Amino acid sequence: MIGHSLGGVTAYQLAARHPDLVRAVVVEDVGAIPGDAVLDVTNWPTKFASREAAATFFAATPAPEYFLESVDPNGNLMFDLDDMMAAQRGNVGDWWADWLAVRRPLMLLRATNSFLLSADHAAQLVRRRPGTRLVTFADTGHWIHREAPDAYAEAVRGFFRSLPEPTTSRPPAG
């Protein structure tokens, strides 16, 4: 299971609550306490006159390229503003119990320029959950997979290749 940001919280929650569904977990740039930072999108436009107008608007956001990709060729925003707010609010909380309950191999990816996962919090995650593998990506921000795709892919592939082969059990014959 691989998850980034809110998806990372979802990934380790799934592994904690339904370990039979998960063999290993990669969590990208989020911790056990994501914080209460919610980007207020409630008054954003849902239609832009052009891609240039959308680019200008999103230039003031923490992730201009990310949000620009959410505008279709006709200038329509491709996500619902209320859903975006609900998803962000749903991620606010203290998820230590889930983080500590994961019994599957877990790799944490951290960006040095992250606005969400500090070096101190990443160290605490590793310290409190022995066996967590931490990989830090220098000079990257929250979207490691976008900013350092080759290094990201190498880290994830290496982690999954390092896992023991799964054992398969067959039901007894007859």
N, C-alpha and C. Protein backbone atom coordinates (compact mmCIF):
# COMPACT_ATOMS: atom_id res chain seq x y z
N MET A 1 0.85 -1.16 0.00
CA MET A 1 0.00 0.00 0.00
C MET A 1 0.90 1.22 0.00
N ILE A 2 0.64 2.15 -0.89
CA ILE A 2 1.40 3.38 -0.97
C ILE A 2 0.43 4.54 -0.83
N GLY A 3 0.78 5.51 0.02
CA GLY A 3 -0.09 6.66 0.16
C GLY A 3 0.70 7.93 0.39
N HIS A 4 0.24 9.00 -0.20
CA HIS A 4 0.86 10.32 -0.08
C HIS A 4 -0.08 11.25 0.67
N SER A 5 0.45 11.95 1.67
CA SER A 5 -0.31 12.95 2.40
C SER A 5 -1.54 12.31 3.03
N LEU A 6 -2.75 12.79 2.73
CA LEU A 6 -3.96 12.17 3.27
C LEU A 6 -3.99 10.68 2.92
N GLY A 7 -3.53 10.33 1.73
CA GLY A 7 -3.48 8.93 1.33
C GLY A 7 -2.51 8.12 2.17
N GLY A 8 -1.46 8.78 2.68
CA GLY A 8 -0.52 8.11 3.57
C GLY A 8 -1.18 7.75 4.90
N VAL A 9 -1.97 8.69 5.43
CA VAL A 9 -2.71 8.40 6.67
C VAL A 9 -3.67 7.24 6.41
N THR A 10 -4.37 7.29 5.29
CA THR A 10 -5.29 6.22 4.94
C THR A 10 -4.56 4.89 4.82
N ALA A 11 -3.37 4.90 4.23
CA ALA A 11 -2.61 3.66 4.05
C ALA A 11 -2.24 3.03 5.39
N TYR A 12 -1.70 3.84 6.31
CA TYR A 12 -1.32 3.20 7.58
C TYR A 12 -2.52 2.90 8.45
N GLN A 13 -3.62 3.64 8.28
CA GLN A 13 -4.84 3.27 9.01
C GLN A 13 -5.38 1.93 8.51
N LEU A 14 -5.37 1.72 7.21
CA LEU A 14 -5.81 0.45 6.66
C LEU A 14 -4.93 -0.68 7.18
N ALA A 15 -3.62 -0.48 7.17
CA ALA A 15 -2.70 -1.51 7.64
C ALA A 15 -2.91 -1.81 9.12
N ALA A 16 -3.22 -0.79 9.90
CA ALA A 16 -3.45 -0.98 11.34
C ALA A 16 -4.76 -1.69 11.61
N ARG A 17 -5.78 -1.33 10.86
CA ARG A 17 -7.13 -1.83 11.15
C ARG A 17 -7.50 -3.09 10.40
N HIS A 18 -6.82 -3.32 9.26
CA HIS A 18 -7.10 -4.51 8.44
C HIS A 18 -5.78 -5.08 7.92
N PRO A 19 -4.92 -5.56 8.80
CA PRO A 19 -3.60 -6.01 8.38
C PRO A 19 -3.62 -7.15 7.35
N ASP A 20 -4.70 -7.89 7.31
CA ASP A 20 -4.81 -8.98 6.34
C ASP A 20 -4.89 -8.46 4.91
N LEU A 21 -5.19 -7.20 4.73
CA LEU A 21 -5.30 -6.62 3.38
C LEU A 21 -4.01 -5.97 2.90
N VAL A 22 -3.02 -5.87 3.77
CA VAL A 22 -1.81 -5.11 3.46
C VAL A 22 -0.57 -5.96 3.74
N ARG A 23 0.37 -5.97 2.79
CA ARG A 23 1.63 -6.68 3.00
C ARG A 23 2.72 -5.75 3.52
N ALA A 24 2.70 -4.49 3.08
CA ALA A 24 3.68 -3.49 3.50
C ALA A 24 3.10 -2.12 3.18
N VAL A 25 3.69 -1.08 3.80
CA VAL A 25 3.14 0.26 3.66
C VAL A 25 4.26 1.26 3.35
N VAL A 26 4.01 2.13 2.39
CA VAL A 26 4.88 3.27 2.11
C VAL A 26 4.04 4.52 2.38
N VAL A 27 4.55 5.36 3.27
CA VAL A 27 3.86 6.59 3.65
C VAL A 27 4.72 7.76 3.18
N GLU A 28 4.15 8.60 2.32
CA GLU A 28 4.90 9.72 1.76
C GLU A 28 4.50 11.04 2.41
N ASP A 29 5.41 11.57 3.17
CA ASP A 29 5.38 12.94 3.68
C ASP A 29 4.14 13.29 4.49
N VAL A 30 3.86 12.46 5.47
CA VAL A 30 2.81 12.76 6.45
C VAL A 30 3.13 11.96 7.71
N GLY A 31 2.68 12.45 8.84
CA GLY A 31 2.97 11.78 10.09
C GLY A 31 1.73 11.34 10.83
N ALA A 32 1.89 11.17 12.14
CA ALA A 32 0.79 10.72 12.99
C ALA A 32 -0.08 11.88 13.46
N ILE A 33 0.44 13.08 13.35
CA ILE A 33 -0.34 14.28 13.67
C ILE A 33 -0.15 15.26 12.51
N PRO A 34 -0.99 15.11 11.46
CA PRO A 34 -0.79 15.95 10.28
C PRO A 34 -0.93 17.44 10.53
N GLY A 35 -1.44 17.82 11.67
CA GLY A 35 -1.60 19.23 11.96
C GLY A 35 -3.00 19.69 11.63
N ASP A 36 -3.25 20.92 11.90
CA ASP A 36 -4.59 21.45 11.66
C ASP A 36 -4.62 22.43 10.50
N ALA A 37 -3.57 22.42 9.70
CA ALA A 37 -3.53 23.32 8.55
C ALA A 37 -4.51 22.85 7.49
N VAL A 38 -5.46 23.68 7.20
CA VAL A 38 -6.45 23.40 6.17
C VAL A 38 -6.42 24.57 5.20
N LEU A 39 -6.19 24.27 3.95
CA LEU A 39 -6.19 25.30 2.91
C LEU A 39 -7.64 25.62 2.58
N ASP A 40 -8.06 26.83 2.86
CA ASP A 40 -9.45 27.21 2.65
C ASP A 40 -9.69 27.44 1.16
N VAL A 41 -10.43 26.53 0.55
CA VAL A 41 -10.74 26.63 -0.87
C VAL A 41 -12.20 27.01 -1.11
N THR A 42 -12.92 27.34 -0.05
CA THR A 42 -14.36 27.56 -0.16
C THR A 42 -14.75 28.65 -1.16
N ASN A 43 -13.92 29.66 -1.32
CA ASN A 43 -14.26 30.75 -2.23
C ASN A 43 -13.48 30.72 -3.55
N TRP A 44 -12.87 29.59 -3.83
CA TRP A 44 -12.14 29.49 -5.10
C TRP A 44 -13.12 29.47 -6.27
N PRO A 45 -12.68 29.99 -7.40
CA PRO A 45 -13.51 29.86 -8.60
C PRO A 45 -13.56 28.40 -9.05
N THR A 46 -14.63 28.01 -9.66
CA THR A 46 -14.74 26.65 -10.21
C THR A 46 -14.62 26.66 -11.73
N LYS A 47 -14.49 27.85 -12.30
CA LYS A 47 -14.33 28.01 -13.75
C LYS A 47 -13.36 29.14 -13.98
N PHE A 48 -12.40 28.92 -14.88
CA PHE A 48 -11.39 29.93 -15.23
C PHE A 48 -11.54 30.26 -16.71
N ALA A 49 -11.26 31.51 -17.05
CA ALA A 49 -11.37 31.95 -18.44
C ALA A 49 -10.34 31.27 -19.33
N SER A 50 -9.20 30.90 -18.74
CA SER A 50 -8.13 30.27 -19.51
C SER A 50 -7.17 29.55 -18.56
N ARG A 51 -6.28 28.75 -19.13
CA ARG A 51 -5.25 28.10 -18.31
C ARG A 51 -4.34 29.15 -17.69
N GLU A 52 -4.09 30.23 -18.42
CA GLU A 52 -3.26 31.30 -17.90
C GLU A 52 -3.91 31.94 -16.68
N ALA A 53 -5.22 32.16 -16.75
CA ALA A 53 -5.94 32.73 -15.60
C ALA A 53 -5.87 31.79 -14.41
N ALA A 54 -6.01 30.49 -14.67
CA ALA A 54 -5.90 29.50 -13.58
C ALA A 54 -4.49 29.50 -13.01
N ALA A 55 -3.49 29.56 -13.87
CA ALA A 55 -2.09 29.58 -13.40
C ALA A 55 -1.82 30.80 -12.53
N THR A 56 -2.36 31.92 -12.93
CA THR A 56 -2.19 33.15 -12.13
C THR A 56 -2.86 33.00 -10.77
N PHE A 57 -4.07 32.47 -10.76
CA PHE A 57 -4.78 32.28 -9.49
C PHE A 57 -4.02 31.32 -8.58
N PHE A 58 -3.58 30.19 -9.11
CA PHE A 58 -2.94 29.16 -8.29
C PHE A 58 -1.51 29.50 -7.89
N ALA A 59 -0.94 30.54 -8.49
CA ALA A 59 0.44 30.93 -8.15
C ALA A 59 0.57 31.27 -6.67
N ALA A 60 -0.51 31.67 -6.03
CA ALA A 60 -0.47 32.05 -4.61
C ALA A 60 -0.72 30.86 -3.68
N THR A 61 -0.93 29.68 -4.22
CA THR A 61 -1.20 28.50 -3.39
C THR A 61 0.10 27.77 -3.07
N PRO A 62 0.07 26.85 -2.09
CA PRO A 62 1.28 26.10 -1.76
C PRO A 62 1.72 25.14 -2.86
N ALA A 63 0.85 24.82 -3.80
CA ALA A 63 1.19 23.84 -4.84
C ALA A 63 0.57 24.25 -6.18
N PRO A 64 1.11 25.28 -6.81
CA PRO A 64 0.49 25.79 -8.04
C PRO A 64 0.33 24.75 -9.14
N GLU A 65 1.37 23.96 -9.38
CA GLU A 65 1.31 22.96 -10.46
C GLU A 65 0.26 21.90 -10.17
N TYR A 66 0.22 21.47 -8.93
CA TYR A 66 -0.74 20.45 -8.50
C TYR A 66 -2.18 20.92 -8.78
N PHE A 67 -2.49 22.12 -8.36
CA PHE A 67 -3.85 22.61 -8.56
C PHE A 67 -4.13 22.92 -10.02
N LEU A 68 -3.14 23.38 -10.76
CA LEU A 68 -3.34 23.66 -12.18
C LEU A 68 -3.71 22.38 -12.93
N GLU A 69 -3.16 21.25 -12.48
CA GLU A 69 -3.52 19.99 -13.11
C GLU A 69 -4.97 19.60 -12.84
N SER A 70 -5.59 20.27 -11.91
CA SER A 70 -7.00 20.00 -11.58
C SER A 70 -7.96 20.88 -12.37
N VAL A 71 -7.46 21.50 -13.41
CA VAL A 71 -8.30 22.33 -14.29
C VAL A 71 -8.33 21.66 -15.66
N ASP A 72 -9.53 21.37 -16.13
CA ASP A 72 -9.65 20.70 -17.42
C ASP A 72 -9.39 21.69 -18.57
N PRO A 73 -9.28 21.19 -19.80
CA PRO A 73 -8.98 22.08 -20.93
C PRO A 73 -9.99 23.21 -21.14
N ASN A 74 -11.21 23.05 -20.61
CA ASN A 74 -12.23 24.09 -20.75
C ASN A 74 -12.20 25.08 -19.59
N GLY A 75 -11.25 24.94 -18.67
CA GLY A 75 -11.12 25.87 -17.56
C GLY A 75 -11.91 25.49 -16.31
N ASN A 76 -12.54 24.32 -16.31
CA ASN A 76 -13.33 23.88 -15.16
C ASN A 76 -12.46 23.21 -14.11
N LEU A 77 -12.70 23.54 -12.88
CA LEU A 77 -12.01 22.88 -11.77
C LEU A 77 -12.59 21.47 -11.65
N MET A 78 -11.72 20.48 -11.56
CA MET A 78 -12.18 19.09 -11.61
C MET A 78 -12.38 18.46 -10.23
N PHE A 79 -12.49 19.27 -9.20
CA PHE A 79 -12.86 18.72 -7.90
C PHE A 79 -13.87 19.64 -7.25
N ASP A 80 -14.64 19.06 -6.36
CA ASP A 80 -15.67 19.80 -5.64
C ASP A 80 -15.04 20.48 -4.44
N LEU A 81 -15.29 21.77 -4.29
CA LEU A 81 -14.68 22.54 -3.20
C LEU A 81 -15.11 22.03 -1.83
N ASP A 82 -16.37 21.66 -1.68
CA ASP A 82 -16.84 21.13 -0.40
C ASP A 82 -16.17 19.80 -0.08
N ASP A 83 -16.00 18.96 -1.09
CA ASP A 83 -15.32 17.67 -0.88
C ASP A 83 -13.87 17.89 -0.47
N MET A 84 -13.21 18.87 -1.09
CA MET A 84 -11.82 19.18 -0.75
C MET A 84 -11.72 19.64 0.71
N MET A 85 -12.63 20.47 1.13
CA MET A 85 -12.63 20.94 2.52
C MET A 85 -12.89 19.78 3.48
N ALA A 86 -13.86 18.93 3.16
CA ALA A 86 -14.19 17.79 4.02
C ALA A 86 -13.00 16.84 4.13
N ALA A 87 -12.32 16.58 3.01
CA ALA A 87 -11.15 15.68 3.04
C ALA A 87 -10.05 16.26 3.91
N GLN A 88 -9.80 17.55 3.78
CA GLN A 88 -8.76 18.18 4.60
C GLN A 88 -9.12 18.14 6.08
N ARG A 89 -10.35 18.46 6.40
CA ARG A 89 -10.78 18.45 7.81
C ARG A 89 -10.73 17.03 8.38
N GLY A 90 -11.04 16.05 7.55
CA GLY A 90 -11.01 14.65 7.99
C GLY A 90 -9.62 14.16 8.32
N ASN A 91 -8.61 14.82 7.79
CA ASN A 91 -7.22 14.42 8.03
C ASN A 91 -6.66 15.05 9.30
N VAL A 92 -7.33 16.04 9.84
CA VAL A 92 -6.87 16.70 11.07
C VAL A 92 -7.14 15.77 12.24
N GLY A 93 -6.11 15.53 13.02
CA GLY A 93 -6.31 14.68 14.19
C GLY A 93 -5.01 14.12 14.71
N ASP A 94 -5.14 13.27 15.68
CA ASP A 94 -4.01 12.57 16.28
C ASP A 94 -4.17 11.10 15.95
N TRP A 95 -3.32 10.61 15.07
CA TRP A 95 -3.43 9.24 14.55
C TRP A 95 -2.33 8.33 15.10
N TRP A 96 -1.75 8.68 16.26
CA TRP A 96 -0.68 7.86 16.84
C TRP A 96 -1.12 6.41 17.05
N ALA A 97 -2.32 6.18 17.53
CA ALA A 97 -2.77 4.81 17.79
C ALA A 97 -2.70 3.96 16.53
N ASP A 98 -3.11 4.53 15.39
CA ASP A 98 -3.03 3.78 14.13
C ASP A 98 -1.58 3.57 13.71
N TRP A 99 -0.77 4.62 13.80
CA TRP A 99 0.64 4.50 13.41
C TRP A 99 1.31 3.38 14.21
N LEU A 100 1.10 3.38 15.48
CA LEU A 100 1.76 2.39 16.36
C LEU A 100 1.18 0.99 16.21
N ALA A 101 -0.02 0.88 15.68
CA ALA A 101 -0.66 -0.43 15.53
C ALA A 101 -0.24 -1.17 14.26
N VAL A 102 0.44 -0.50 13.35
CA VAL A 102 0.86 -1.14 12.10
C VAL A 102 1.88 -2.23 12.42
N ARG A 103 1.60 -3.45 11.98
CA ARG A 103 2.49 -4.58 12.21
C ARG A 103 3.13 -5.08 10.92
N ARG A 104 2.93 -4.36 9.87
CA ARG A 104 3.52 -4.70 8.57
C ARG A 104 4.76 -3.84 8.37
N PRO A 105 5.66 -4.27 7.48
CA PRO A 105 6.81 -3.41 7.17
C PRO A 105 6.33 -2.04 6.69
N LEU A 106 7.04 -1.00 7.15
CA LEU A 106 6.60 0.35 6.87
C LEU A 106 7.81 1.22 6.51
N MET A 107 7.68 1.96 5.42
CA MET A 107 8.71 2.91 5.01
C MET A 107 8.07 4.29 4.99
N LEU A 108 8.75 5.24 5.62
CA LEU A 108 8.32 6.64 5.68
C LEU A 108 9.24 7.46 4.78
N LEU A 109 8.65 8.19 3.84
CA LEU A 109 9.39 9.07 2.95
C LEU A 109 9.17 10.50 3.41
N ARG A 110 10.26 11.23 3.59
CA ARG A 110 10.17 12.61 4.07
C ARG A 110 10.91 13.56 3.14
N ALA A 111 10.29 14.69 2.85
CA ALA A 111 10.90 15.74 2.04
C ALA A 111 11.55 16.76 2.97
N THR A 112 12.77 17.17 2.65
CA THR A 112 13.44 18.14 3.51
C THR A 112 12.74 19.50 3.53
N ASN A 113 12.02 19.83 2.47
CA ASN A 113 11.31 21.10 2.42
C ASN A 113 9.81 20.92 2.64
N SER A 114 9.46 19.90 3.39
CA SER A 114 8.05 19.60 3.64
C SER A 114 7.42 20.65 4.54
N PHE A 115 6.18 21.02 4.22
CA PHE A 115 5.42 21.89 5.11
C PHE A 115 4.56 21.07 6.06
N LEU A 116 4.58 19.73 5.90
CA LEU A 116 3.69 18.87 6.66
C LEU A 116 4.40 17.94 7.64
N LEU A 117 5.60 17.50 7.30
CA LEU A 117 6.31 16.53 8.13
C LEU A 117 7.70 17.06 8.47
N SER A 118 7.86 17.49 9.71
CA SER A 118 9.15 18.03 10.15
C SER A 118 10.14 16.89 10.40
N ALA A 119 11.41 17.25 10.41
CA ALA A 119 12.45 16.26 10.72
C ALA A 119 12.24 15.70 12.12
N ASP A 120 11.87 16.54 13.07
CA ASP A 120 11.64 16.08 14.45
C ASP A 120 10.49 15.09 14.52
N HIS A 121 9.41 15.39 13.84
CA HIS A 121 8.26 14.47 13.88
C HIS A 121 8.60 13.15 13.19
N ALA A 122 9.32 13.22 12.07
CA ALA A 122 9.73 11.98 11.38
C ALA A 122 10.60 11.13 12.31
N ALA A 123 11.53 11.76 13.01
CA ALA A 123 12.39 11.02 13.95
C ALA A 123 11.56 10.38 15.05
N GLN A 124 10.55 11.10 15.52
CA GLN A 124 9.67 10.56 16.56
C GLN A 124 8.87 9.37 16.02
N LEU A 125 8.40 9.45 14.80
CA LEU A 125 7.67 8.34 14.18
C LEU A 125 8.53 7.08 14.13
N VAL A 126 9.78 7.24 13.75
CA VAL A 126 10.70 6.10 13.66
C VAL A 126 11.04 5.58 15.05
N ARG A 127 11.29 6.47 15.95
CA ARG A 127 11.65 6.08 17.32
C ARG A 127 10.51 5.32 18.01
N ARG A 128 9.30 5.80 17.84
CA ARG A 128 8.16 5.19 18.52
C ARG A 128 7.65 3.92 17.85
N ARG A 129 7.99 3.73 16.59
CA ARG A 129 7.60 2.50 15.89
C ARG A 129 8.85 1.86 15.31
N PRO A 130 9.53 1.05 16.15
CA PRO A 130 10.76 0.40 15.71
C PRO A 130 10.54 -0.40 14.42
N GLY A 131 11.53 -0.38 13.58
CA GLY A 131 11.45 -1.09 12.30
C GLY A 131 11.01 -0.21 11.15
N THR A 132 10.56 1.00 11.45
CA THR A 132 10.17 1.92 10.38
C THR A 132 11.42 2.35 9.63
N ARG A 133 11.38 2.24 8.34
CA ARG A 133 12.50 2.67 7.50
C ARG A 133 12.22 4.09 7.04
N LEU A 134 13.13 5.01 7.33
CA LEU A 134 12.99 6.41 6.95
C LEU A 134 13.92 6.72 5.78
N VAL A 135 13.36 7.31 4.74
CA VAL A 135 14.15 7.79 3.61
C VAL A 135 13.84 9.27 3.46
N THR A 136 14.88 10.09 3.52
CA THR A 136 14.73 11.53 3.40
C THR A 136 15.22 11.98 2.03
N PHE A 137 14.44 12.82 1.40
CA PHE A 137 14.76 13.32 0.07
C PHE A 137 15.16 14.78 0.19
N ALA A 138 16.42 15.06 -0.11
CA ALA A 138 16.95 16.43 -0.01
C ALA A 138 16.36 17.31 -1.11
N ASP A 139 16.16 18.56 -0.74
CA ASP A 139 15.73 19.59 -1.70
C ASP A 139 14.42 19.24 -2.42
N THR A 140 13.52 18.58 -1.71
CA THR A 140 12.21 18.30 -2.28
C THR A 140 11.15 18.84 -1.33
N GLY A 141 9.98 19.06 -1.89
CA GLY A 141 8.84 19.48 -1.10
C GLY A 141 7.87 18.33 -0.91
N HIS A 142 6.69 18.63 -0.51
CA HIS A 142 5.67 17.66 -0.12
C HIS A 142 5.38 16.61 -1.20
N TRP A 143 5.53 16.95 -2.45
CA TRP A 143 5.23 16.03 -3.55
C TRP A 143 6.52 15.36 -4.02
N ILE A 144 7.07 14.50 -3.21
CA ILE A 144 8.33 13.82 -3.53
C ILE A 144 8.21 13.07 -4.85
N HIS A 145 7.15 12.34 -5.03
CA HIS A 145 6.97 11.53 -6.24
C HIS A 145 6.99 12.38 -7.51
N ARG A 146 6.65 13.65 -7.41
CA ARG A 146 6.68 14.55 -8.57
C ARG A 146 8.04 15.22 -8.73
N GLU A 147 8.64 15.61 -7.59
CA GLU A 147 9.86 16.40 -7.63
C GLU A 147 11.12 15.57 -7.80
N ALA A 148 11.07 14.34 -7.36
CA ALA A 148 12.23 13.43 -7.48
C ALA A 148 11.73 12.05 -7.88
N PRO A 149 11.09 11.94 -9.05
CA PRO A 149 10.43 10.68 -9.42
C PRO A 149 11.37 9.48 -9.50
N ASP A 150 12.58 9.68 -10.00
CA ASP A 150 13.50 8.54 -10.12
C ASP A 150 13.96 8.05 -8.75
N ALA A 151 14.32 8.98 -7.87
CA ALA A 151 14.76 8.59 -6.53
C ALA A 151 13.60 7.99 -5.74
N TYR A 152 12.42 8.54 -5.93
CA TYR A 152 11.22 8.01 -5.28
C TYR A 152 10.98 6.56 -5.72
N ALA A 153 10.97 6.35 -7.03
CA ALA A 153 10.72 5.00 -7.56
C ALA A 153 11.79 4.03 -7.08
N GLU A 154 13.04 4.46 -7.05
CA GLU A 154 14.13 3.60 -6.59
C GLU A 154 13.93 3.21 -5.12
N ALA A 155 13.54 4.16 -4.29
CA ALA A 155 13.33 3.88 -2.86
C ALA A 155 12.17 2.91 -2.67
N VAL A 156 11.06 3.16 -3.36
CA VAL A 156 9.89 2.31 -3.21
C VAL A 156 10.17 0.90 -3.73
N ARG A 157 10.77 0.80 -4.91
CA ARG A 157 11.09 -0.52 -5.46
C ARG A 157 12.06 -1.27 -4.54
N GLY A 158 13.07 -0.57 -4.05
CA GLY A 158 14.03 -1.20 -3.15
C GLY A 158 13.36 -1.72 -1.89
N PHE A 159 12.44 -0.95 -1.33
CA PHE A 159 11.72 -1.37 -0.14
C PHE A 159 10.90 -2.62 -0.43
N PHE A 160 10.13 -2.61 -1.50
CA PHE A 160 9.30 -3.76 -1.80
C PHE A 160 10.14 -4.99 -2.15
N ARG A 161 11.25 -4.78 -2.82
CA ARG A 161 12.14 -5.92 -3.14
C ARG A 161 12.77 -6.51 -1.88
N SER A 162 12.92 -5.71 -0.84
CA SER A 162 13.56 -6.19 0.38
C SER A 162 12.62 -7.03 1.25
N LEU A 163 11.35 -7.04 0.91
CA LEU A 163 10.39 -7.79 1.71
C LEU A 163 10.54 -9.28 1.50
N PRO A 164 10.31 -10.06 2.53
CA PRO A 164 10.35 -11.51 2.33
C PRO A 164 9.22 -11.93 1.39
N GLU A 165 9.45 -13.02 0.70
CA GLU A 165 8.42 -13.54 -0.19
C GLU A 165 7.18 -13.89 0.63
N PRO A 166 6.01 -13.57 0.09
CA PRO A 166 4.79 -13.93 0.83
C PRO A 166 4.61 -15.44 0.87
N THR A 167 4.09 -15.89 1.93
CA THR A 167 3.80 -17.31 2.02
C THR A 167 2.36 -17.51 1.61
N THR A 168 2.14 -18.54 0.87
CA THR A 168 0.77 -18.84 0.46
C THR A 168 0.37 -20.13 1.14
N SER A 169 -0.80 -20.13 1.62
CA SER A 169 -1.30 -21.36 2.24
C SER A 169 -2.49 -21.84 1.44
N ARG A 170 -2.53 -23.11 1.27
CA ARG A 170 -3.64 -23.72 0.53
C ARG A 170 -4.52 -24.45 1.53
N PRO A 171 -5.81 -24.40 1.26
CA PRO A 171 -6.69 -25.15 2.15
C PRO A 171 -6.42 -26.65 2.01
N PRO A 172 -6.61 -27.39 3.09
CA PRO A 172 -6.37 -28.83 3.02
C PRO A 172 -7.24 -29.47 1.95
N ALA A 173 -6.68 -30.45 1.29
CA ALA A 173 -7.42 -31.17 0.25
C ALA A 173 -8.56 -31.96 0.91
N GLY A 174 -9.67 -31.96 0.21
CA GLY A 174 -10.76 -32.69 0.49
C GLY A 174 -11.64 -33.03 1.44
